[in-house]
Amino acid sequence: MNVKFFTLIAAVFLLGNQSYAQKNNSFNVKKQLEYCAEQASKTLKVIPDDGTSPRTVPNGSKDWKFVNYKDWTSGFWPGELWYLYEATGDKKWEKEADKFSQFLKPLSVSKANDHDLGFQIFNSFGNGYRLTKNPEYKDVILKTADTLATLFNPKVGTTISWPHNKMGGHNTIIDNMMNLELLFWASKNGGNKKLYDIAVKHAETTMNNHFRPDYSSYHVIIYDYETGKKIKGRTAQGYSDDSMWARGQAWAIYGFTMVYRETKDPKFLDFAHKLTRVYLDRLTTEDLIPYWDFDAPGIPNEPRDASAAAIVSSALMELSSYTKDANLKKEYLTKSKKMIVSLSDHYQSRDVNSAFLLHSTGHKPAGSEIDCSINYADYYYLEALLRLQKLKK
């Protein structure tokens, strides 16, 4: 999403990846973007006019389940619409993106209920401001960043993820890395400079506490509220406290890559490479779409998670642009592209429902959103397609 990133990645790609570009010509990105626009147009026709947005299509159903602006996924649908506006230049998408973004505006002036404000506001108003420079959008982003910062606990060094879910201490989930981009952006665009320090501290604390010796991620870390000491690592949505939950590792790869972009601190780049290495080395599926948890006991009969693949594919394209090792750069780009091709060839929702992708898994331990279509899978799939299009150009 970052403008500087897109400029940099294009330059790096042109310098060293002609052979990759030649192989890449067989995959028609424009065709996939047109598919996404067709599917989104179908979805627009069935959304109730009540301020809700589409979140998921259950397995076996053709019908979306809708959520209001408070749901943690509420920013992904307007984000998709902004990306479609970017892809097509069609004012239809700008109008719809603005409409669904506006539903989220109350979040900027409400008390922070959880860490997901970045997902909600930066994916919607953030993309909107990047594409239109509408000052109203900027105001919403800056107010929301201040709201998110109220969840920061300086004794721990992270923002709490779920303030209302005590879990025996100050809880921080790996997903929270994604929401730091909101803080970084605000600090550089007229917001409080302390937001930058909060984001860096959160990333450093997470780097030091959230990972096992092999660099696989816990889902949740519980800290002591007063001393900041790490109490334990556990899971909520993964198979077990000691397993590598696929989407959690994806959030980590994407998150630390973004933190390097914003700070240029080499320790974050090095860490992003290590997180990526364990993910790619443990990825055994031929199509590079992971099972929902790398340690799930029923593999190969476990559900896949297309959302994790979409997130990692997008992240790998950015990470490749910061990678000086030619072989590693080639590996990242080749595998990223294969993930997108696999999603496009075998995971699209065409003729099943009006989402973009099938076969994502939300919260299997809770029996929720298993092997279904989910809006955040669609969002990062579309983002990955746009990033790939910029590489080809």
Protein backbone atom coordinates (compact mmCIF):
# COMPACT_ATOMS: atom_id res chain seq x y z
CA MET A 1 0.00 0.00 0.00
CA ASN A 2 2.93 2.32 0.67
CA VAL A 3 3.79 4.57 -2.31
CA LYS A 4 7.54 4.44 -1.64
CA PHE A 5 7.34 0.65 -1.53
CA PHE A 6 5.69 0.42 -4.94
CA THR A 7 8.33 2.72 -6.49
CA LEU A 8 11.18 0.78 -4.92
CA ILE A 9 9.88 -2.66 -5.77
CA ALA A 10 9.41 -1.70 -9.41
CA ALA A 11 12.98 -0.43 -9.67
CA VAL A 12 14.48 -3.48 -8.01
CA PHE A 13 12.47 -5.80 -10.17
CA LEU A 14 13.60 -4.16 -13.39
CA LEU A 15 17.25 -4.38 -12.39
CA GLY A 16 17.51 -8.05 -11.65
CA ASN A 17 14.58 -10.20 -12.66
CA GLN A 18 14.18 -10.27 -16.44
CA SER A 19 14.01 -14.07 -16.48
CA TYR A 20 11.28 -14.01 -13.85
CA ALA A 21 9.37 -11.45 -15.90
CA GLN A 22 9.53 -13.65 -18.99
CA LYS A 23 8.08 -16.63 -17.11
CA ASN A 24 5.52 -14.34 -15.56
CA ASN A 25 4.08 -13.25 -18.90
CA SER A 26 2.02 -16.42 -19.15
CA PHE A 27 -0.08 -15.37 -16.15
CA ASN A 28 -2.65 -12.75 -17.02
CA VAL A 29 -2.95 -10.41 -14.03
CA LYS A 30 -5.41 -8.15 -15.83
CA LYS A 31 -7.75 -11.10 -16.34
CA GLN A 32 -7.67 -11.92 -12.62
CA LEU A 33 -8.36 -8.29 -11.69
CA GLU A 34 -11.32 -8.29 -14.06
CA TYR A 35 -12.57 -11.44 -12.35
CA CYS A 36 -12.35 -9.70 -8.97
CA ALA A 37 -14.29 -6.72 -10.32
CA GLU A 38 -17.00 -9.02 -11.68
CA GLN A 39 -17.32 -10.84 -8.37
CA ALA A 40 -17.40 -7.60 -6.36
CA SER A 41 -20.11 -6.24 -8.64
CA LYS A 42 -22.24 -9.29 -7.83
CA THR A 43 -21.63 -8.79 -4.11
CA LEU A 44 -22.67 -5.14 -4.27
CA LYS A 45 -26.10 -6.21 -5.47
CA VAL A 46 -26.83 -8.30 -2.37
CA ILE A 47 -25.50 -6.11 0.46
CA PRO A 48 -28.31 -4.79 2.69
CA ASP A 49 -28.60 -1.01 2.86
CA ASP A 50 -28.06 -0.95 6.61
CA GLY A 51 -24.41 -0.06 7.11
CA THR A 52 -23.15 -3.63 7.08
CA SER A 53 -20.50 -5.22 4.87
CA PRO A 54 -19.77 -8.78 3.69
CA ARG A 55 -17.50 -10.90 5.85
CA THR A 56 -17.79 -14.59 4.96
CA VAL A 57 -19.62 -17.14 2.83
CA PRO A 58 -19.94 -20.41 4.78
CA ASN A 59 -18.92 -23.68 3.16
CA GLY A 60 -21.87 -25.04 1.18
CA SER A 61 -23.65 -21.70 1.00
CA LYS A 62 -23.85 -19.03 -1.69
CA ASP A 63 -24.89 -16.28 0.67
CA TRP A 64 -22.70 -13.75 2.44
CA LYS A 65 -22.87 -13.19 6.17
CA PHE A 66 -22.74 -9.46 6.92
CA VAL A 67 -21.20 -7.56 9.83
CA ASN A 68 -21.43 -4.01 11.17
CA TYR A 69 -18.59 -1.49 11.44
CA LYS A 70 -17.44 -2.77 14.84
CA ASP A 71 -16.45 -6.19 13.49
CA TRP A 72 -12.68 -6.63 13.19
CA THR A 73 -13.01 -7.48 9.48
CA SER A 74 -15.11 -4.43 8.57
CA GLY A 75 -12.24 -2.63 6.81
CA PHE A 76 -11.45 -5.34 4.30
CA TRP A 77 -14.49 -4.88 2.05
CA PRO A 78 -14.02 -1.11 1.57
CA GLY A 79 -10.31 -1.85 1.15
CA GLU A 80 -11.12 -4.22 -1.70
CA LEU A 81 -13.24 -1.53 -3.31
CA TRP A 82 -10.40 0.97 -3.10
CA TYR A 83 -8.05 -1.55 -4.68
CA LEU A 84 -10.56 -2.09 -7.50
CA TYR A 85 -10.65 1.67 -8.01
CA GLU A 86 -6.87 1.64 -8.19
CA ALA A 87 -6.92 -1.27 -10.65
CA THR A 88 -9.56 0.14 -12.98
CA GLY A 89 -9.78 3.90 -12.49
CA ASP A 90 -13.56 3.45 -12.63
CA LYS A 91 -15.31 6.08 -10.50
CA LYS A 92 -17.96 3.49 -9.63
CA TRP A 93 -15.49 1.84 -7.31
CA GLU A 94 -14.41 5.12 -5.74
CA LYS A 95 -18.04 5.93 -4.94
CA GLU A 96 -18.71 2.53 -3.39
CA ALA A 97 -15.40 2.53 -1.51
CA ASP A 98 -16.20 5.89 0.01
CA LYS A 99 -19.69 4.75 1.00
CA PHE A 100 -18.49 1.66 2.86
CA SER A 101 -15.52 3.49 4.38
CA GLN A 102 -17.81 6.14 5.84
CA PHE A 103 -19.65 3.47 7.84
CA LEU A 104 -16.43 2.96 9.83
CA LYS A 105 -15.93 6.62 10.71
CA PRO A 106 -17.33 6.30 14.28
CA LEU A 107 -14.33 4.11 15.17
CA SER A 108 -12.09 7.18 15.01
CA VAL A 109 -13.93 8.91 17.84
CA SER A 110 -14.92 5.94 20.00
CA LYS A 111 -13.00 4.30 22.82
CA ALA A 112 -10.64 1.61 21.54
CA ASN A 113 -12.17 -1.82 22.10
CA ASP A 114 -9.31 -3.82 20.56
CA HIS A 115 -6.21 -3.59 18.38
CA ASP A 116 -7.99 -4.09 15.05
CA LEU A 117 -8.34 -0.38 14.29
CA GLY A 118 -5.52 -0.65 11.78
CA PHE A 119 -7.28 -3.38 9.84
CA GLN A 120 -10.51 -1.41 9.99
CA ILE A 121 -9.39 2.15 9.26
CA PHE A 122 -6.08 1.92 7.41
CA ASN A 123 -7.39 -0.63 4.88
CA SER A 124 -10.39 1.62 4.21
CA PHE A 125 -9.55 5.30 4.78
CA GLY A 126 -5.81 4.63 4.40
CA ASN A 127 -6.19 3.28 0.89
CA GLY A 128 -8.73 5.98 0.20
CA TYR A 129 -6.35 8.76 1.21
CA ARG A 130 -3.48 7.21 -0.74
CA LEU A 131 -5.58 7.26 -3.90
CA THR A 132 -7.54 10.51 -3.50
CA LYS A 133 -5.70 12.70 -0.95
CA ASN A 134 -9.10 13.57 0.54
CA PRO A 135 -8.27 15.57 3.71
CA GLU A 136 -11.32 14.16 5.49
CA TYR A 137 -9.83 10.70 5.20
CA LYS A 138 -6.54 11.88 6.67
CA ASP A 139 -8.35 13.35 9.66
CA VAL A 140 -10.05 10.01 10.34
CA ILE A 141 -6.73 8.15 10.10
CA LEU A 142 -4.94 10.49 12.50
CA LYS A 143 -7.74 10.38 15.08
CA THR A 144 -7.84 6.60 14.87
CA ALA A 145 -4.09 6.29 15.40
CA ASP A 146 -4.40 8.28 18.62
CA THR A 147 -7.25 6.00 19.66
CA LEU A 148 -5.20 2.86 18.97
CA ALA A 149 -2.28 4.28 20.97
CA THR A 150 -4.43 4.37 24.11
CA LEU A 151 -4.05 0.57 24.22
CA PHE A 152 -0.27 0.80 24.60
CA ASN A 153 1.10 -0.36 27.94
CA PRO A 154 4.60 1.12 28.44
CA LYS A 155 5.32 -1.36 31.23
CA VAL A 156 4.91 -4.21 28.76
CA GLY A 157 5.98 -2.48 25.57
CA THR A 158 3.02 -3.53 23.41
CA THR A 159 -0.54 -2.48 22.72
CA ILE A 160 -3.01 -4.88 24.28
CA SER A 161 -5.01 -6.82 21.70
CA TRP A 162 -8.16 -7.77 23.57
CA PRO A 163 -8.69 -5.44 26.58
CA HIS A 164 -11.91 -7.21 27.58
CA ASN A 165 -10.41 -10.70 27.40
CA LYS A 166 -8.20 -10.87 30.48
CA MET A 167 -6.53 -14.24 29.72
CA GLY A 168 -4.48 -13.93 32.90
CA GLY A 169 -2.62 -10.78 31.91
CA HIS A 170 -1.86 -8.25 29.18
CA ASN A 171 -2.49 -10.13 25.93
CA THR A 172 -0.86 -9.39 22.59
CA ILE A 173 -1.56 -11.41 19.45
CA ILE A 174 0.68 -11.70 16.41
CA ASP A 175 -2.06 -10.16 14.21
CA ASN A 176 -1.34 -6.89 16.02
CA MET A 177 1.85 -6.43 13.98
CA MET A 178 -0.36 -5.51 11.03
CA ASN A 179 -1.91 -2.59 12.88
CA LEU A 180 1.42 -0.87 13.49
CA GLU A 181 1.32 0.51 9.95
CA LEU A 182 -1.44 2.89 11.02
CA LEU A 183 0.79 4.25 13.81
CA PHE A 184 3.84 4.61 11.56
CA TRP A 185 1.83 6.42 8.89
CA ALA A 186 0.22 8.81 11.33
CA SER A 187 3.56 9.69 12.93
CA LYS A 188 4.93 10.69 9.52
CA ASN A 189 1.85 12.53 8.27
CA GLY A 190 1.02 15.11 10.89
CA GLY A 191 0.30 12.89 13.89
CA ASN A 192 2.11 12.64 17.21
CA LYS A 193 5.73 11.58 16.77
CA LYS A 194 5.35 9.32 19.81
CA LEU A 195 3.22 7.00 17.66
CA TYR A 196 6.41 6.02 15.84
CA ASP A 197 8.11 5.10 19.11
CA ILE A 198 5.09 3.06 20.22
CA ALA A 199 5.12 1.09 16.96
CA VAL A 200 8.85 0.40 17.16
CA LYS A 201 8.66 -0.65 20.79
CA HIS A 202 5.76 -2.99 20.05
CA ALA A 203 7.74 -4.57 17.20
CA GLU A 204 10.86 -4.97 19.36
CA THR A 205 8.93 -6.47 22.27
CA THR A 206 7.15 -8.86 19.92
CA MET A 207 10.41 -9.86 18.25
CA ASN A 208 11.94 -10.69 21.62
CA ASN A 209 9.02 -12.60 23.11
CA HIS A 210 6.58 -13.89 20.52
CA PHE A 211 8.64 -16.56 18.79
CA ARG A 212 10.03 -20.00 19.46
CA PRO A 213 13.72 -20.83 18.87
CA ASP A 214 12.89 -21.91 15.27
CA TYR A 215 11.19 -18.52 14.62
CA SER A 216 7.69 -19.94 14.45
CA SER A 217 5.13 -17.66 16.07
CA TYR A 218 2.87 -18.11 19.03
CA HIS A 219 -0.58 -16.70 18.43
CA VAL A 220 -0.89 -14.99 21.83
CA ILE A 221 1.64 -13.87 24.42
CA ILE A 222 0.45 -13.10 27.95
CA TYR A 223 2.48 -10.51 29.87
CA ASP A 224 2.29 -9.33 33.47
CA TYR A 225 0.49 -5.98 33.50
CA GLU A 226 2.83 -4.41 36.03
CA THR A 227 6.25 -5.94 35.46
CA GLY A 228 5.95 -6.51 31.71
CA LYS A 229 7.39 -10.00 32.16
CA LYS A 230 6.34 -12.65 29.68
CA ILE A 231 4.08 -15.19 31.40
CA LYS A 232 3.34 -17.67 28.62
CA GLY A 233 2.66 -18.23 24.95
CA ARG A 234 -0.60 -19.76 23.85
CA THR A 235 -3.03 -20.01 20.96
CA ALA A 236 -6.61 -19.04 20.31
CA GLN A 237 -7.07 -19.93 16.65
CA GLY A 238 -4.22 -22.39 16.09
CA TYR A 239 -4.20 -26.13 16.77
CA SER A 240 -2.24 -25.94 20.02
CA ASP A 241 -0.08 -23.59 22.08
CA ASP A 242 3.00 -25.13 20.47
CA SER A 243 1.84 -25.36 16.85
CA MET A 244 2.58 -23.04 13.95
CA TRP A 245 -0.75 -21.50 12.99
CA ALA A 246 -0.48 -20.65 9.30
CA ARG A 247 -2.15 -17.25 9.29
CA GLY A 248 -0.29 -16.20 12.44
CA GLN A 249 3.06 -16.84 10.74
CA ALA A 250 1.74 -14.97 7.70
CA TRP A 251 0.86 -11.92 9.81
CA ALA A 252 4.38 -12.03 11.26
CA ILE A 253 6.11 -12.18 7.87
CA TYR A 254 4.04 -9.34 6.46
CA GLY A 255 4.22 -7.30 9.67
CA PHE A 256 7.98 -7.35 10.15
CA THR A 257 8.56 -6.69 6.45
CA MET A 258 6.39 -3.58 6.81
CA VAL A 259 8.24 -2.52 9.99
CA TYR A 260 11.52 -2.68 8.10
CA ARG A 261 10.04 -0.50 5.35
CA GLU A 262 8.98 2.09 7.91
CA THR A 263 12.14 2.08 10.04
CA LYS A 264 14.93 0.86 7.74
CA ASP A 265 16.36 -0.89 10.81
CA PRO A 266 18.23 -3.98 9.51
CA LYS A 267 17.31 -6.06 12.57
CA PHE A 268 13.70 -6.10 11.38
CA LEU A 269 14.70 -7.12 7.86
CA ASP A 270 16.86 -9.94 9.20
CA PHE A 271 13.98 -11.09 11.37
CA ALA A 272 11.52 -11.03 8.46
CA HIS A 273 13.86 -13.31 6.53
CA LYS A 274 14.02 -15.77 9.44
CA LEU A 275 10.23 -15.82 9.81
CA THR A 276 9.89 -16.43 6.09
CA ARG A 277 12.47 -19.21 6.10
CA VAL A 278 10.62 -21.39 8.60
CA TYR A 279 7.33 -20.84 6.75
CA LEU A 280 8.73 -21.76 3.34
CA ASP A 281 10.82 -24.67 4.64
CA ARG A 282 7.82 -26.22 6.37
CA LEU A 283 5.44 -25.64 3.45
CA THR A 284 4.91 -29.14 2.06
CA THR A 285 1.88 -28.60 -0.20
CA GLU A 286 2.68 -28.76 -3.91
CA ASP A 287 0.51 -25.73 -4.67
CA LEU A 288 2.06 -23.70 -1.79
CA ILE A 289 -1.31 -23.12 -0.12
CA PRO A 290 -0.84 -24.15 3.53
CA TYR A 291 -3.01 -26.22 5.78
CA TRP A 292 -4.66 -24.04 8.42
CA ASP A 293 -2.00 -25.09 10.94
CA PHE A 294 1.37 -26.60 10.04
CA ASP A 295 1.07 -29.05 12.96
CA ALA A 296 -2.59 -30.02 12.58
CA PRO A 297 -2.84 -33.76 13.33
CA GLY A 298 -5.01 -34.76 10.36
CA ILE A 299 -2.74 -33.56 7.54
CA PRO A 300 -3.24 -34.16 4.58
CA ASN A 301 -6.95 -34.22 5.38
CA GLU A 302 -7.01 -30.86 7.15
CA PRO A 303 -8.59 -27.69 5.71
CA ARG A 304 -6.35 -25.29 3.80
CA ASP A 305 -6.07 -21.57 4.47
CA ALA A 306 -6.08 -19.54 1.28
CA SER A 307 -5.97 -16.34 3.35
CA ALA A 308 -2.52 -17.22 4.72
CA ALA A 309 -1.23 -17.85 1.20
CA ALA A 310 -2.60 -14.52 -0.04
CA ILE A 311 -0.98 -12.62 2.86
CA VAL A 312 2.39 -14.33 2.38
CA SER A 313 2.34 -13.93 -1.39
CA SER A 314 1.84 -10.17 -1.04
CA ALA A 315 4.48 -9.93 1.70
CA LEU A 316 7.08 -11.89 -0.29
CA MET A 317 6.87 -9.45 -3.16
CA GLU A 318 7.72 -6.59 -0.84
CA LEU A 319 10.38 -8.56 1.03
CA SER A 320 12.05 -9.49 -2.27
CA SER A 321 12.54 -5.79 -3.01
CA TYR A 322 14.71 -5.45 0.10
CA THR A 323 16.67 -8.65 -0.58
CA LYS A 324 20.21 -8.34 -1.95
CA ASP A 325 20.89 -12.07 -2.26
CA ALA A 326 19.97 -12.86 -5.88
CA ASN A 327 19.03 -16.49 -5.19
CA LEU A 328 16.85 -15.56 -2.24
CA LYS A 329 15.19 -12.77 -4.21
CA LYS A 330 14.43 -15.23 -7.01
CA GLU A 331 13.02 -17.76 -4.54
CA TYR A 332 10.71 -15.19 -2.96
CA LEU A 333 9.41 -13.93 -6.29
CA THR A 334 9.01 -17.40 -7.80
CA LYS A 335 7.12 -18.79 -4.82
CA SER A 336 5.04 -15.66 -4.40
CA LYS A 337 3.95 -15.89 -8.00
CA LYS A 338 3.22 -19.61 -7.71
CA MET A 339 0.97 -18.89 -4.71
CA ILE A 340 -0.99 -16.33 -6.73
CA VAL A 341 -1.27 -18.69 -9.71
CA SER A 342 -2.46 -21.52 -7.45
CA LEU A 343 -5.07 -19.27 -5.85
CA SER A 344 -6.19 -18.06 -9.27
CA ASP A 345 -6.30 -21.49 -10.92
CA HIS A 346 -7.74 -23.64 -8.15
CA TYR A 347 -9.16 -21.51 -5.31
CA GLN A 348 -11.36 -18.94 -7.03
CA SER A 349 -15.03 -18.77 -6.04
CA ARG A 350 -16.24 -18.52 -9.64
CA ASP A 351 -19.66 -20.18 -10.06
CA VAL A 352 -19.79 -21.01 -6.33
CA ASN A 353 -20.34 -17.61 -4.69
CA SER A 354 -19.45 -13.95 -5.29
CA ALA A 355 -16.31 -13.84 -3.13
CA PHE A 356 -12.91 -14.02 -4.83
CA LEU A 357 -11.52 -17.14 -3.12
CA LEU A 358 -12.63 -20.41 -1.55
CA HIS A 359 -10.92 -22.56 1.10
CA SER A 360 -9.94 -20.18 3.88
CA THR A 361 -10.11 -21.15 7.55
CA GLY A 362 -10.92 -18.58 10.21
CA HIS A 363 -11.14 -20.17 13.65
CA LYS A 364 -11.13 -23.95 13.44
CA PRO A 365 -10.88 -24.68 17.20
CA ALA A 366 -14.12 -22.72 17.66
CA GLY A 367 -15.75 -24.44 14.69
CA SER A 368 -16.04 -21.06 12.98
CA GLU A 369 -15.46 -20.19 9.31
CA ILE A 370 -13.90 -23.50 8.29
CA ASP A 371 -13.07 -24.02 4.61
CA CYS A 372 -15.07 -21.01 3.44
CA SER A 373 -14.73 -17.65 1.70
CA ILE A 374 -13.51 -14.79 3.91
CA ASN A 375 -13.08 -11.11 3.07
CA TYR A 376 -9.48 -10.78 4.29
CA ALA A 377 -8.39 -13.58 1.95
CA ASP A 378 -9.95 -11.60 -0.90
CA TYR A 379 -8.33 -8.35 0.25
CA TYR A 380 -4.76 -9.69 0.31
CA TYR A 381 -5.30 -11.68 -2.89
CA LEU A 382 -6.28 -8.46 -4.64
CA GLU A 383 -3.35 -6.63 -3.07
CA ALA A 384 -0.97 -9.36 -4.27
CA LEU A 385 -2.37 -9.12 -7.80
CA LEU A 386 -1.84 -5.34 -7.81
CA ARG A 387 1.71 -5.73 -6.53
CA LEU A 388 2.41 -8.34 -9.20
CA GLN A 389 0.98 -6.04 -11.86
CA LYS A 390 3.36 -3.29 -10.73
CA LEU A 391 6.27 -5.72 -10.93
CA LYS A 392 5.37 -6.66 -14.50
CA LYS A 393 5.19 -3.01 -15.52
